[in-house]
Amino acid sequence: MKNFTVIYMAPAAGMEEWMKKPEAERKDEEAKMKADWDAWVLAHKDSILNTIALGKTKRVSASGVEDVKNDMMLSSYVQGESAEAVAELFKDHPHFGIPGATIEIMEARQM
């Protein structure tokens, strides 16, 4: 089995729009997405090693440190035979309920 890093992406502008929805409507949609997410994780529990939420971003460069926004929301570490096999797991993921959402999969190897 190989290890993969999975990054759940959602456009920052889309997330800002999402937060402008009436709270009751947003909470209902979030509850449904969480239930769908939990069911998806249970169905794929043998492959998913962990999932974490990503917080605010600091960018460090030769010019210094700055606060920035990017489209990364969450990450998971997943085991699978190949990137293609892992991608198949994610084809029906509830994350796609977020407008413009994507999922990126990269093999993770020791350096």
N, C-alpha and C. Protein backbone atom coordinates (compact mmCIF):
# COMPACT_ATOMS: atom_id res chain seq x y z
N MET A 1 0.84 -1.19 0.00
CA MET A 1 0.00 0.00 0.00
C MET A 1 0.88 1.24 0.00
N LYS A 2 0.43 2.23 -0.73
CA LYS A 2 1.11 3.52 -0.77
C LYS A 2 0.31 4.51 0.07
N ASN A 3 0.97 5.60 0.46
CA ASN A 3 0.32 6.66 1.22
C ASN A 3 0.08 7.86 0.33
N PHE A 4 -1.04 8.55 0.57
CA PHE A 4 -1.42 9.70 -0.23
C PHE A 4 -1.90 10.83 0.67
N THR A 5 -1.56 12.04 0.28
CA THR A 5 -2.10 13.24 0.91
C THR A 5 -3.27 13.70 0.04
N VAL A 6 -4.38 13.93 0.68
CA VAL A 6 -5.59 14.38 -0.01
C VAL A 6 -5.91 15.78 0.52
N ILE A 7 -6.03 16.73 -0.40
CA ILE A 7 -6.35 18.11 -0.02
C ILE A 7 -7.74 18.45 -0.54
N TYR A 8 -8.60 18.88 0.37
CA TYR A 8 -9.96 19.28 0.02
C TYR A 8 -9.93 20.79 -0.23
N MET A 9 -10.26 21.18 -1.45
CA MET A 9 -10.18 22.57 -1.86
C MET A 9 -11.58 23.15 -2.00
N ALA A 10 -11.70 24.43 -1.65
CA ALA A 10 -12.95 25.18 -1.89
C ALA A 10 -12.55 26.63 -2.10
N PRO A 11 -13.03 27.25 -3.17
CA PRO A 11 -12.65 28.63 -3.43
C PRO A 11 -12.96 29.54 -2.25
N ALA A 12 -11.98 30.33 -1.83
CA ALA A 12 -12.16 31.23 -0.69
C ALA A 12 -13.35 32.16 -0.92
N ALA A 13 -13.51 32.66 -2.14
CA ALA A 13 -14.64 33.55 -2.44
C ALA A 13 -15.97 32.82 -2.27
N GLY A 14 -16.00 31.56 -2.66
CA GLY A 14 -17.22 30.76 -2.50
C GLY A 14 -17.55 30.54 -1.03
N MET A 15 -16.54 30.36 -0.22
CA MET A 15 -16.76 30.17 1.21
C MET A 15 -17.27 31.46 1.85
N GLU A 16 -16.77 32.60 1.39
CA GLU A 16 -17.27 33.88 1.90
C GLU A 16 -18.74 34.05 1.56
N GLU A 17 -19.13 33.66 0.34
CA GLU A 17 -20.53 33.71 -0.06
C GLU A 17 -21.37 32.76 0.78
N TRP A 18 -20.84 31.57 1.04
CA TRP A 18 -21.54 30.57 1.86
C TRP A 18 -21.87 31.16 3.23
N MET A 19 -20.93 31.88 3.80
CA MET A 19 -21.12 32.45 5.14
C MET A 19 -22.16 33.58 5.14
N LYS A 20 -22.49 34.11 3.98
CA LYS A 20 -23.50 35.17 3.87
C LYS A 20 -24.92 34.61 3.85
N LYS A 21 -25.05 33.28 3.66
CA LYS A 21 -26.39 32.67 3.65
C LYS A 21 -27.03 32.86 5.02
N PRO A 22 -28.36 32.88 5.07
CA PRO A 22 -29.02 32.92 6.38
C PRO A 22 -28.54 31.74 7.24
N GLU A 23 -28.29 32.02 8.50
CA GLU A 23 -27.69 31.01 9.37
C GLU A 23 -28.50 29.71 9.42
N ALA A 24 -29.81 29.79 9.49
CA ALA A 24 -30.63 28.58 9.57
C ALA A 24 -30.46 27.73 8.32
N GLU A 25 -30.46 28.36 7.15
CA GLU A 25 -30.28 27.64 5.89
C GLU A 25 -28.90 27.00 5.84
N ARG A 26 -27.89 27.76 6.21
CA ARG A 26 -26.52 27.27 6.20
C ARG A 26 -26.35 26.10 7.17
N LYS A 27 -26.91 26.22 8.36
CA LYS A 27 -26.79 25.15 9.36
C LYS A 27 -27.46 23.87 8.90
N ASP A 28 -28.61 23.98 8.24
CA ASP A 28 -29.29 22.79 7.72
C ASP A 28 -28.42 22.09 6.66
N GLU A 29 -27.86 22.89 5.76
CA GLU A 29 -27.01 22.31 4.71
C GLU A 29 -25.74 21.71 5.31
N GLU A 30 -25.18 22.39 6.32
CA GLU A 30 -23.98 21.87 6.98
C GLU A 30 -24.28 20.55 7.69
N ALA A 31 -25.43 20.45 8.34
CA ALA A 31 -25.80 19.22 9.05
C ALA A 31 -25.95 18.06 8.06
N LYS A 32 -26.58 18.32 6.91
CA LYS A 32 -26.73 17.26 5.91
C LYS A 32 -25.37 16.85 5.37
N MET A 33 -24.52 17.84 5.09
CA MET A 33 -23.19 17.53 4.56
C MET A 33 -22.38 16.72 5.59
N LYS A 34 -22.49 17.08 6.87
CA LYS A 34 -21.77 16.34 7.91
C LYS A 34 -22.26 14.90 7.99
N ALA A 35 -23.56 14.70 7.93
CA ALA A 35 -24.11 13.33 7.97
C ALA A 35 -23.63 12.53 6.76
N ASP A 36 -23.65 13.16 5.59
CA ASP A 36 -23.17 12.49 4.37
C ASP A 36 -21.68 12.19 4.49
N TRP A 37 -20.93 13.13 5.04
CA TRP A 37 -19.47 12.97 5.23
C TRP A 37 -19.21 11.80 6.16
N ASP A 38 -19.90 11.76 7.31
CA ASP A 38 -19.71 10.68 8.28
C ASP A 38 -20.00 9.32 7.66
N ALA A 39 -21.05 9.24 6.86
CA ALA A 39 -21.40 7.98 6.19
C ALA A 39 -20.31 7.60 5.19
N TRP A 40 -19.78 8.59 4.46
CA TRP A 40 -18.72 8.32 3.48
C TRP A 40 -17.47 7.81 4.20
N VAL A 41 -17.09 8.45 5.30
CA VAL A 41 -15.90 8.03 6.04
C VAL A 41 -16.08 6.61 6.56
N LEU A 42 -17.25 6.31 7.09
CA LEU A 42 -17.50 4.95 7.59
C LEU A 42 -17.36 3.92 6.47
N ALA A 43 -17.85 4.25 5.30
CA ALA A 43 -17.77 3.33 4.16
C ALA A 43 -16.33 3.14 3.67
N HIS A 44 -15.45 4.08 3.97
CA HIS A 44 -14.06 4.02 3.50
C HIS A 44 -13.05 4.00 4.65
N LYS A 45 -13.50 3.56 5.82
CA LYS A 45 -12.66 3.62 7.03
C LYS A 45 -11.36 2.84 6.93
N ASP A 46 -11.30 1.84 6.09
CA ASP A 46 -10.08 1.06 5.97
C ASP A 46 -8.98 1.79 5.20
N SER A 47 -9.35 2.83 4.48
CA SER A 47 -8.37 3.58 3.68
C SER A 47 -7.97 4.91 4.30
N ILE A 48 -8.87 5.52 5.06
CA ILE A 48 -8.63 6.85 5.60
C ILE A 48 -7.86 6.74 6.92
N LEU A 49 -6.65 7.28 6.95
CA LEU A 49 -5.84 7.23 8.16
C LEU A 49 -6.20 8.36 9.12
N ASN A 50 -6.42 9.56 8.59
CA ASN A 50 -6.88 10.69 9.41
C ASN A 50 -7.33 11.82 8.50
N THR A 51 -8.08 12.74 9.08
CA THR A 51 -8.50 13.95 8.39
C THR A 51 -8.41 15.09 9.38
N ILE A 52 -7.86 16.22 8.92
CA ILE A 52 -7.71 17.39 9.79
C ILE A 52 -8.22 18.64 9.07
N ALA A 53 -8.74 19.57 9.86
CA ALA A 53 -9.15 20.87 9.33
C ALA A 53 -7.92 21.77 9.29
N LEU A 54 -7.84 22.58 8.25
CA LEU A 54 -6.72 23.49 8.09
C LEU A 54 -7.15 24.90 8.49
N GLY A 55 -6.32 25.58 9.24
CA GLY A 55 -6.66 26.90 9.75
C GLY A 55 -6.14 28.03 8.88
N LYS A 56 -6.01 29.19 9.49
CA LYS A 56 -5.53 30.38 8.78
C LYS A 56 -4.11 30.14 8.29
N THR A 57 -3.77 30.80 7.19
CA THR A 57 -2.52 30.54 6.50
C THR A 57 -1.52 31.68 6.68
N LYS A 58 -0.30 31.33 6.99
CA LYS A 58 0.84 32.25 7.00
C LYS A 58 1.74 31.83 5.85
N ARG A 59 2.15 32.78 5.04
CA ARG A 59 3.09 32.49 3.96
C ARG A 59 4.44 33.07 4.36
N VAL A 60 5.47 32.23 4.28
CA VAL A 60 6.83 32.64 4.60
C VAL A 60 7.62 32.64 3.31
N SER A 61 8.29 33.74 3.04
CA SER A 61 9.15 33.85 1.86
C SER A 61 10.40 34.62 2.25
N ALA A 62 11.29 34.79 1.30
CA ALA A 62 12.49 35.56 1.56
C ALA A 62 12.15 37.01 1.95
N SER A 63 10.95 37.46 1.59
CA SER A 63 10.52 38.82 1.92
C SER A 63 9.92 38.94 3.31
N GLY A 64 9.64 37.81 3.96
CA GLY A 64 9.07 37.84 5.30
C GLY A 64 7.86 36.95 5.44
N VAL A 65 7.01 37.29 6.39
CA VAL A 65 5.83 36.49 6.72
C VAL A 65 4.59 37.35 6.49
N GLU A 66 3.58 36.74 5.86
CA GLU A 66 2.33 37.47 5.62
C GLU A 66 1.14 36.55 5.79
N ASP A 67 0.00 37.12 6.15
CA ASP A 67 -1.25 36.38 6.20
C ASP A 67 -1.81 36.31 4.79
N VAL A 68 -2.24 35.13 4.37
CA VAL A 68 -2.82 34.95 3.04
C VAL A 68 -4.03 34.02 3.15
N LYS A 69 -4.83 34.01 2.10
CA LYS A 69 -5.94 33.06 1.99
C LYS A 69 -5.64 32.14 0.83
N ASN A 70 -5.99 30.87 0.99
CA ASN A 70 -5.90 29.93 -0.12
C ASN A 70 -7.17 29.08 -0.11
N ASP A 71 -7.24 28.14 -1.00
CA ASP A 71 -8.45 27.35 -1.16
C ASP A 71 -8.44 26.04 -0.37
N MET A 72 -7.39 25.80 0.42
CA MET A 72 -7.30 24.53 1.16
C MET A 72 -8.15 24.59 2.43
N MET A 73 -9.02 23.58 2.60
CA MET A 73 -9.90 23.50 3.77
C MET A 73 -9.49 22.41 4.75
N LEU A 74 -9.22 21.24 4.19
CA LEU A 74 -8.97 20.04 4.99
C LEU A 74 -7.90 19.21 4.32
N SER A 75 -7.33 18.29 5.07
CA SER A 75 -6.45 17.30 4.45
C SER A 75 -6.69 15.95 5.11
N SER A 76 -6.43 14.92 4.34
CA SER A 76 -6.52 13.55 4.84
C SER A 76 -5.26 12.82 4.42
N TYR A 77 -4.93 11.80 5.19
CA TYR A 77 -3.89 10.86 4.78
C TYR A 77 -4.61 9.55 4.54
N VAL A 78 -4.34 8.98 3.36
CA VAL A 78 -5.09 7.83 2.87
C VAL A 78 -4.11 6.78 2.36
N GLN A 79 -4.47 5.52 2.52
CA GLN A 79 -3.68 4.44 1.94
C GLN A 79 -4.43 3.86 0.76
N GLY A 80 -3.66 3.50 -0.28
CA GLY A 80 -4.26 2.88 -1.45
C GLY A 80 -3.20 2.28 -2.34
N GLU A 81 -3.63 1.51 -3.30
CA GLU A 81 -2.70 0.85 -4.23
C GLU A 81 -2.07 1.84 -5.20
N SER A 82 -2.83 2.88 -5.59
CA SER A 82 -2.35 3.85 -6.57
C SER A 82 -3.14 5.14 -6.43
N ALA A 83 -2.64 6.21 -7.06
CA ALA A 83 -3.37 7.48 -7.06
C ALA A 83 -4.73 7.30 -7.73
N GLU A 84 -4.76 6.49 -8.77
CA GLU A 84 -6.01 6.25 -9.48
C GLU A 84 -7.03 5.55 -8.58
N ALA A 85 -6.57 4.57 -7.81
CA ALA A 85 -7.46 3.85 -6.91
C ALA A 85 -8.00 4.77 -5.82
N VAL A 86 -7.14 5.63 -5.28
CA VAL A 86 -7.58 6.58 -4.26
C VAL A 86 -8.56 7.57 -4.87
N ALA A 87 -8.27 8.06 -6.07
CA ALA A 87 -9.19 8.99 -6.74
C ALA A 87 -10.57 8.37 -6.89
N GLU A 88 -10.64 7.09 -7.19
CA GLU A 88 -11.94 6.41 -7.32
C GLU A 88 -12.73 6.49 -6.01
N LEU A 89 -12.03 6.39 -4.87
CA LEU A 89 -12.71 6.48 -3.58
C LEU A 89 -13.43 7.81 -3.41
N PHE A 90 -12.84 8.86 -3.96
CA PHE A 90 -13.31 10.22 -3.71
C PHE A 90 -14.30 10.74 -4.75
N LYS A 91 -14.62 9.95 -5.76
CA LYS A 91 -15.50 10.43 -6.84
C LYS A 91 -16.86 10.91 -6.35
N ASP A 92 -17.39 10.28 -5.32
CA ASP A 92 -18.73 10.64 -4.83
C ASP A 92 -18.68 11.33 -3.46
N HIS A 93 -17.60 12.00 -3.16
CA HIS A 93 -17.41 12.59 -1.84
C HIS A 93 -18.37 13.75 -1.58
N PRO A 94 -18.92 13.85 -0.37
CA PRO A 94 -19.84 14.94 -0.04
C PRO A 94 -19.21 16.34 -0.12
N HIS A 95 -17.90 16.43 -0.12
CA HIS A 95 -17.23 17.73 -0.24
C HIS A 95 -17.69 18.47 -1.50
N PHE A 96 -18.10 17.73 -2.51
CA PHE A 96 -18.53 18.35 -3.75
C PHE A 96 -19.87 19.08 -3.61
N GLY A 97 -20.48 19.01 -2.42
CA GLY A 97 -21.67 19.81 -2.14
C GLY A 97 -21.35 21.30 -2.01
N ILE A 98 -20.08 21.63 -1.86
CA ILE A 98 -19.65 23.02 -1.80
C ILE A 98 -19.40 23.49 -3.23
N PRO A 99 -20.05 24.57 -3.65
CA PRO A 99 -19.84 25.04 -5.02
C PRO A 99 -18.36 25.30 -5.33
N GLY A 100 -17.91 24.74 -6.44
CA GLY A 100 -16.53 24.94 -6.87
C GLY A 100 -15.51 24.06 -6.17
N ALA A 101 -15.95 23.18 -5.27
CA ALA A 101 -15.03 22.35 -4.50
C ALA A 101 -14.33 21.32 -5.39
N THR A 102 -13.08 21.04 -5.04
CA THR A 102 -12.30 20.00 -5.70
C THR A 102 -11.52 19.24 -4.64
N ILE A 103 -10.97 18.11 -5.03
CA ILE A 103 -10.13 17.30 -4.15
C ILE A 103 -8.87 16.96 -4.92
N GLU A 104 -7.71 17.21 -4.31
CA GLU A 104 -6.44 16.91 -4.94
C GLU A 104 -5.75 15.78 -4.19
N ILE A 105 -5.16 14.85 -4.93
CA ILE A 105 -4.56 13.64 -4.36
C ILE A 105 -3.11 13.57 -4.83
N MET A 106 -2.19 13.41 -3.87
CA MET A 106 -0.76 13.33 -4.19
C MET A 106 -0.14 12.18 -3.41
N GLU A 107 0.69 11.42 -4.07
CA GLU A 107 1.41 10.37 -3.35
C GLU A 107 2.35 11.03 -2.35
N ALA A 108 2.42 10.46 -1.15
CA ALA A 108 3.29 10.96 -0.08
C ALA A 108 4.39 9.95 0.16
N ARG A 109 5.64 10.39 0.02
CA ARG A 109 6.78 9.49 0.20
C ARG A 109 7.75 10.11 1.21
N GLN A 110 8.45 9.26 1.90
CA GLN A 110 9.51 9.72 2.81
C GLN A 110 10.61 10.39 2.02
N MET A 111 11.15 11.43 2.55
CA MET A 111 12.29 12.12 1.90
C MET A 111 13.59 11.55 2.41
